Amino acid sequence: MTNNPDPTSTPPTHAKVTFLGTGTSVGVPVIGCQCEVCQSDDPRNQRTRCAITIELGWHGLAVDHDEPTRTLLVDTPPDLRFQLLREKIPLVHAVLYTHEHADHLFGLDDLRLFPFRLGGPVPLYCEPKVEQRIKHSFDYAFSTRAQTHPGSRPQLECREISPYQPIPLFGASIMPIRLKHGPHFDVLGFRIGDFAYCTDTNDIPPESMARLAGVKTFVVGALRHQPHPTHFSVDQAVEVARQVGAKQTWLTHVSHDLDYGPTTSELPDGIDLAYDGLQVDVGLDSGQA
C-alpha cells in the first residue's frame, strides 16, 4: 500500500500539516467536568491529545492521477486510532517524538498495522531517554520470542536523534530543537522548512530561538491564561510568537480553561487557537543554510 513511484531521491515540493489533537494531557472535555467549555457544542472545543501529521508531497510525479506522499507523525497520543480514522490517514511512514510523557506516547500500539503496508518496521525518531521509555512500556514489541500469531506485535525501529542535528527524511530535512518543559525536563520541538512545532514547553532557549528565524507558520503550546510551572500561558505564548515573528501562529495543547470563540477573538492578528482537524499548507524552503 506504499505510494509509487518512490519520490524520496528528490526533495518534496510541498507539505500539509494536520492537527490530529490540540488538547492537554486529559483532553477536552474533561471527564466529569460540567464547565461551559466541556459542555460546549462547538466542535473546536473538542480537543484530543496533542499530535500532528506532516504530509510531504511531490508535484509532477503523479501516477494514475495520484501524487506520491509520505506522512510523518509527531507523537503517538492515546487517541491516535480515532484521530487517524477521523482524518482518513491510511498510512504513517515515520514517527518523530517530542518527549516520553504518556499523552504523547501511549498510542504507540496503534502503529501495528503499518509495517505490513510499509514492508518493514515503522521508524521511530527519538532521543535516548524516549527510546528507553518506549522499550520499557512496550517491551513486548521488542521481544525476540517466537510469536504464536505472527504480526501481532508492532514492528518498530528506534532511531536516535539529537537537538540541532538535522534528520534527513524522505528528501526533506527536519531540525530537532531543544525546549524546556519545566526547569528540569528537556523535550524537543521540530522545524521543517518554514514551519515549526513547539508544544509542551515553557522556555525556548536562545540557541533554539535562533533556529526559529524565518519561520512563517509557528505552533506553540498555550495551556491556559494562568501561569503554569511547565507550560506557557496564553500571554507567554503570544510574547514568544511575537519574538519568532511568524506570519501565522497556532496555539496548541489547550486546556478546558480556554473557550475557542472568546479566546480567539481576544488574540492578536496572526495568532489563533488551533483545533482538531485543522489543516495548514506550509512551505519547505527554510531560508537557512
Protein backbone atom coordinates (compact mmCIF):
# COMPACT_ATOMS: atom_id res chain seq x y z
CA MET A 1 0.00 0.00 0.00
CA THR A 2 3.01 2.25 -0.35
CA ASN A 3 2.87 5.08 -2.91
CA ASN A 4 4.70 4.65 -6.22
CA PRO A 5 6.97 5.79 -7.66
CA ASP A 6 9.41 6.24 -4.78
CA PRO A 7 9.95 10.02 -4.76
CA THR A 8 12.48 10.26 -1.98
CA SER A 9 15.51 10.74 -4.23
CA THR A 10 14.27 14.30 -4.78
CA PRO A 11 13.16 16.88 -2.20
CA PRO A 12 9.40 17.17 -1.66
CA THR A 13 7.79 20.20 -3.25
CA HIS A 14 5.17 20.96 -0.60
CA ALA A 15 3.76 19.88 2.75
CA LYS A 16 0.47 19.86 4.63
CA VAL A 17 0.16 19.81 8.42
CA THR A 18 -2.91 18.26 10.04
CA PHE A 19 -3.62 18.85 13.72
CA LEU A 20 -4.72 15.44 14.95
CA GLY A 21 -5.10 16.68 18.52
CA THR A 22 -4.76 20.04 20.26
CA GLY A 23 -5.71 19.23 23.85
CA THR A 24 -3.89 18.93 27.12
CA SER A 25 -2.98 15.62 28.77
CA VAL A 26 -6.54 14.89 29.93
CA GLY A 27 -8.21 16.14 26.75
CA VAL A 28 -11.30 18.31 26.43
CA PRO A 29 -13.99 17.67 27.54
CA VAL A 30 -12.52 16.59 30.86
CA ILE A 31 -14.19 13.50 32.31
CA GLY A 32 -16.92 14.55 34.73
CA CYS A 33 -16.46 18.29 34.22
CA GLN A 34 -19.55 20.48 33.88
CA CYS A 35 -17.81 23.71 32.83
CA GLU A 36 -19.05 25.65 29.79
CA VAL A 37 -16.16 24.53 27.60
CA CYS A 38 -16.56 20.85 28.46
CA GLN A 39 -20.31 21.11 27.76
CA SER A 40 -19.83 23.22 24.61
CA ASP A 41 -21.41 22.29 21.28
CA ASP A 42 -18.57 23.99 19.38
CA PRO A 43 -16.53 21.16 17.80
CA ARG A 44 -13.42 23.32 18.14
CA ASN A 45 -13.72 22.85 21.91
CA GLN A 46 -13.46 19.06 21.45
CA ARG A 47 -9.72 18.50 21.92
CA THR A 48 -7.98 15.14 21.79
CA ARG A 49 -4.40 14.71 22.95
CA CYS A 50 -1.66 16.53 21.02
CA ALA A 51 -0.24 15.25 17.74
CA ILE A 52 0.21 16.40 14.16
CA THR A 53 0.96 14.81 10.83
CA ILE A 54 3.17 16.37 8.18
CA GLU A 55 2.29 15.09 4.73
CA LEU A 56 5.07 15.57 2.20
CA GLY A 57 4.13 15.77 -1.47
CA TRP A 58 5.85 15.82 -4.85
CA HIS A 59 4.29 17.76 -7.71
CA GLY A 60 4.91 16.26 -11.14
CA LEU A 61 5.33 12.63 -10.04
CA ALA A 62 1.68 11.55 -10.22
CA VAL A 63 0.89 8.00 -11.30
CA ASP A 64 -2.72 7.19 -12.23
CA HIS A 65 -3.61 10.72 -11.13
CA ASP A 66 -2.32 10.08 -7.59
CA GLU A 67 0.50 12.22 -6.27
CA PRO A 68 3.00 10.32 -4.11
CA THR A 69 3.06 11.29 -0.45
CA ARG A 70 4.94 10.45 2.73
CA THR A 71 3.27 11.01 6.09
CA LEU A 72 5.28 11.91 9.19
CA LEU A 73 3.59 11.66 12.57
CA VAL A 74 4.70 13.74 15.55
CA ASP A 75 3.93 11.78 18.75
CA THR A 76 1.57 8.86 19.34
CA PRO A 77 -1.12 10.00 21.82
CA PRO A 78 -3.68 7.64 23.39
CA ASP A 79 -6.31 8.95 20.93
CA LEU A 80 -4.23 8.02 17.86
CA ARG A 81 -6.50 5.37 16.34
CA PHE A 82 -9.52 7.66 16.49
CA GLN A 83 -7.52 10.60 15.14
CA LEU A 84 -6.18 8.71 12.11
CA LEU A 85 -9.63 7.35 11.30
CA ARG A 86 -11.22 10.78 11.68
CA GLU A 87 -8.72 12.37 9.29
CA LYS A 88 -8.75 9.37 6.90
CA ILE A 89 -4.97 8.89 7.14
CA PRO A 90 -4.29 5.33 5.92
CA LEU A 91 -0.54 5.11 6.47
CA VAL A 92 2.22 6.58 8.62
CA HIS A 93 5.76 6.30 7.23
CA ALA A 94 7.74 7.54 10.25
CA VAL A 95 7.23 8.95 13.75
CA LEU A 96 9.03 11.83 15.47
CA TYR A 97 8.80 12.11 19.26
CA THR A 98 8.87 15.32 21.27
CA HIS A 99 9.13 13.51 24.62
CA GLU A 100 8.04 10.48 26.59
CA HIS A 101 5.04 11.69 28.61
CA ALA A 102 2.04 9.37 28.43
CA ASP A 103 -0.18 11.77 26.48
CA HIS A 104 2.44 11.85 23.71
CA LEU A 105 3.44 8.18 23.73
CA PHE A 106 0.79 5.73 24.82
CA GLY A 107 -0.98 5.28 21.49
CA LEU A 108 2.12 3.65 20.03
CA ASP A 109 0.48 0.22 19.67
CA ASP A 110 -1.87 1.71 17.07
CA LEU A 111 1.08 1.65 14.66
CA ARG A 112 0.96 -2.14 14.45
CA LEU A 113 -0.84 -2.29 11.07
CA PHE A 114 1.62 -0.06 9.24
CA PRO A 115 4.63 -2.44 8.98
CA PHE A 116 2.54 -4.72 6.75
CA ARG A 117 1.90 -1.80 4.40
CA LEU A 118 5.44 -0.45 4.60
CA GLY A 119 7.12 -3.81 4.17
CA GLY A 120 9.22 -3.23 7.29
CA PRO A 121 9.25 -1.69 10.76
CA VAL A 122 7.97 1.80 11.45
CA PRO A 123 10.97 4.07 12.21
CA LEU A 124 10.68 5.99 15.49
CA TYR A 125 12.94 9.05 15.67
CA CYS A 126 13.56 9.91 19.30
CA GLU A 127 16.08 10.83 21.95
CA PRO A 128 17.68 8.00 24.00
CA LYS A 129 15.50 8.68 27.07
CA VAL A 130 12.38 8.36 24.92
CA GLU A 131 13.66 5.09 23.43
CA GLN A 132 14.26 3.80 26.95
CA ARG A 133 10.69 4.62 27.95
CA ILE A 134 9.28 3.05 24.77
CA LYS A 135 11.19 -0.18 25.31
CA HIS A 136 10.13 -0.31 28.96
CA SER A 137 6.45 0.47 28.41
CA PHE A 138 6.12 -1.55 25.18
CA ASP A 139 8.67 -4.29 25.88
CA TYR A 140 6.53 -6.87 24.05
CA ALA A 141 7.08 -5.02 20.78
CA PHE A 142 10.82 -5.64 21.01
CA SER A 143 10.69 -9.23 22.28
CA THR A 144 12.69 -11.82 20.35
CA ARG A 145 10.41 -14.67 21.45
CA ALA A 146 8.52 -16.53 18.75
CA GLN A 147 5.02 -15.21 18.16
CA THR A 148 2.03 -17.52 18.35
CA HIS A 149 0.35 -15.27 15.80
CA PRO A 150 2.98 -13.60 13.57
CA GLY A 151 2.37 -9.90 13.16
CA SER A 152 0.57 -9.48 16.48
CA ARG A 153 3.42 -7.34 17.80
CA PRO A 154 4.14 -3.89 16.38
CA GLN A 155 7.32 -3.86 14.31
CA LEU A 156 9.24 -0.77 15.39
CA GLU A 157 12.76 0.55 14.94
CA CYS A 158 14.09 3.31 17.21
CA ARG A 159 16.49 5.76 15.58
CA GLU A 160 18.42 8.17 17.79
CA ILE A 161 18.17 11.91 17.22
CA SER A 162 19.77 14.89 18.95
CA PRO A 163 18.98 18.61 19.18
CA TYR A 164 20.28 20.70 16.28
CA GLN A 165 21.32 17.62 14.27
CA PRO A 166 19.22 17.60 11.07
CA ILE A 167 17.28 14.46 10.24
CA PRO A 168 17.25 13.62 6.51
CA LEU A 169 13.88 12.04 5.88
CA PHE A 170 12.17 11.36 2.55
CA GLY A 171 14.18 14.06 0.81
CA ALA A 172 13.38 16.68 3.47
CA SER A 173 15.48 17.97 6.36
CA ILE A 174 13.95 18.13 9.82
CA MET A 175 15.67 20.08 12.59
CA PRO A 176 15.09 18.97 16.21
CA ILE A 177 15.38 21.89 18.61
CA ARG A 178 15.73 21.85 22.38
CA LEU A 179 12.84 23.06 24.53
CA LYS A 180 12.34 23.15 28.30
CA HIS A 181 9.21 21.56 29.77
CA GLY A 182 9.69 22.92 33.27
CA PRO A 183 13.08 23.60 34.86
CA HIS A 184 14.31 20.01 34.94
CA PHE A 185 12.81 18.31 31.87
CA ASP A 186 14.08 18.57 28.30
CA VAL A 187 11.89 17.96 25.27
CA LEU A 188 12.14 18.56 21.53
CA GLY A 189 10.44 20.78 19.02
CA PHE A 190 10.81 20.31 15.27
CA ARG A 191 11.34 22.60 12.31
CA ILE A 192 10.82 21.63 8.69
CA GLY A 193 11.08 24.34 6.06
CA ASP A 194 9.30 27.46 7.28
CA PHE A 195 7.17 25.51 9.78
CA ALA A 196 7.99 24.87 13.46
CA TYR A 197 6.18 22.83 16.11
CA CYS A 198 6.91 23.60 19.78
CA THR A 199 4.33 22.06 22.09
CA ASP A 200 4.74 21.24 25.80
CA THR A 201 7.21 23.97 26.72
CA ASN A 202 7.57 26.95 29.00
CA ASP A 203 11.01 28.04 27.81
CA ILE A 204 12.69 28.14 24.40
CA PRO A 205 16.47 28.52 24.92
CA PRO A 206 18.35 31.20 22.93
CA GLU A 207 20.01 28.66 20.62
CA SER A 208 16.61 27.27 19.74
CA MET A 209 15.13 30.73 19.21
CA ALA A 210 17.93 31.35 16.72
CA ARG A 211 16.87 28.19 14.86
CA LEU A 212 13.36 29.59 14.53
CA ALA A 213 14.49 32.57 12.45
CA GLY A 214 12.49 32.78 9.24
CA VAL A 215 9.63 30.57 10.41
CA LYS A 216 6.35 31.57 8.77
CA THR A 217 4.00 29.10 10.47
CA PHE A 218 4.65 28.59 14.18
CA VAL A 219 2.87 26.21 16.54
CA VAL A 220 3.40 26.68 20.27
CA GLY A 221 1.71 25.35 23.39
CA ALA A 222 -0.59 27.64 25.41
CA LEU A 223 -2.24 25.77 28.24
CA ARG A 224 -4.41 28.43 29.88
CA HIS A 225 -4.48 32.08 30.94
CA GLN A 226 -2.95 31.50 34.37
CA PRO A 227 0.80 30.82 34.73
CA HIS A 228 1.86 27.16 34.90
CA PRO A 229 5.21 25.67 36.00
CA THR A 230 5.78 23.60 32.83
CA HIS A 231 3.67 25.19 30.06
CA PHE A 232 3.37 28.62 28.50
CA SER A 233 0.29 30.61 29.42
CA VAL A 234 -1.57 32.38 26.62
CA ASP A 235 0.20 35.68 27.31
CA GLN A 236 3.61 33.98 27.40
CA ALA A 237 2.91 32.14 24.16
CA VAL A 238 1.82 35.37 22.49
CA GLU A 239 5.05 37.06 23.56
CA VAL A 240 7.14 34.18 22.21
CA ALA A 241 5.16 34.30 18.97
CA ARG A 242 5.99 37.99 18.61
CA GLN A 243 9.68 37.22 19.12
CA VAL A 244 9.59 34.48 16.48
CA GLY A 245 7.76 36.80 14.09
CA ALA A 246 5.90 34.16 12.12
CA LYS A 247 3.17 35.26 9.74
CA GLN A 248 0.77 32.84 11.47
CA THR A 249 0.97 31.29 14.94
CA TRP A 250 -1.29 28.50 16.14
CA LEU A 251 -1.69 27.79 19.86
CA THR A 252 -2.00 24.13 20.87
CA HIS A 253 -2.01 21.88 23.96
CA VAL A 254 -5.06 23.81 25.13
CA SER A 255 -6.97 23.07 28.34
CA HIS A 256 -10.67 23.44 29.14
CA ASP A 257 -9.89 26.86 30.63
CA LEU A 258 -9.90 28.31 27.10
CA ASP A 259 -13.17 28.61 25.17
CA TYR A 260 -12.40 28.66 21.44
CA GLY A 261 -14.63 31.54 20.35
CA PRO A 262 -13.98 34.10 23.10
CA THR A 263 -10.27 33.27 23.33
CA THR A 264 -9.66 33.54 19.59
CA SER A 265 -11.50 36.87 19.40
CA GLU A 266 -9.14 38.32 22.02
CA LEU A 267 -5.89 37.16 20.40
CA PRO A 268 -3.73 39.48 18.25
CA ASP A 269 -3.92 39.29 14.47
CA GLY A 270 -1.99 36.32 13.14
CA ILE A 271 -2.34 34.29 16.36
CA ASP A 272 -5.18 31.80 16.76
CA LEU A 273 -6.15 28.72 18.71
CA ALA A 274 -5.58 25.55 16.73
CA TYR A 275 -8.32 22.92 16.75
CA ASP A 276 -8.57 19.23 15.97
CA GLY A 277 -8.74 18.62 12.22
CA LEU A 278 -7.21 21.96 11.23
CA GLN A 279 -5.08 21.64 8.08
CA VAL A 280 -2.37 24.10 7.11
CA ASP A 281 -0.20 24.21 3.99
CA VAL A 282 3.42 25.01 4.85
CA GLY A 283 6.50 25.88 2.83
CA LEU A 284 9.61 23.73 2.67
CA ASP A 285 12.13 26.49 1.96
CA SER A 286 13.56 27.36 5.37
CA GLY A 287 15.65 30.24 4.11
CA GLN A 288 18.53 28.92 6.22
CA ALA A 289 21.74 27.25 5.17
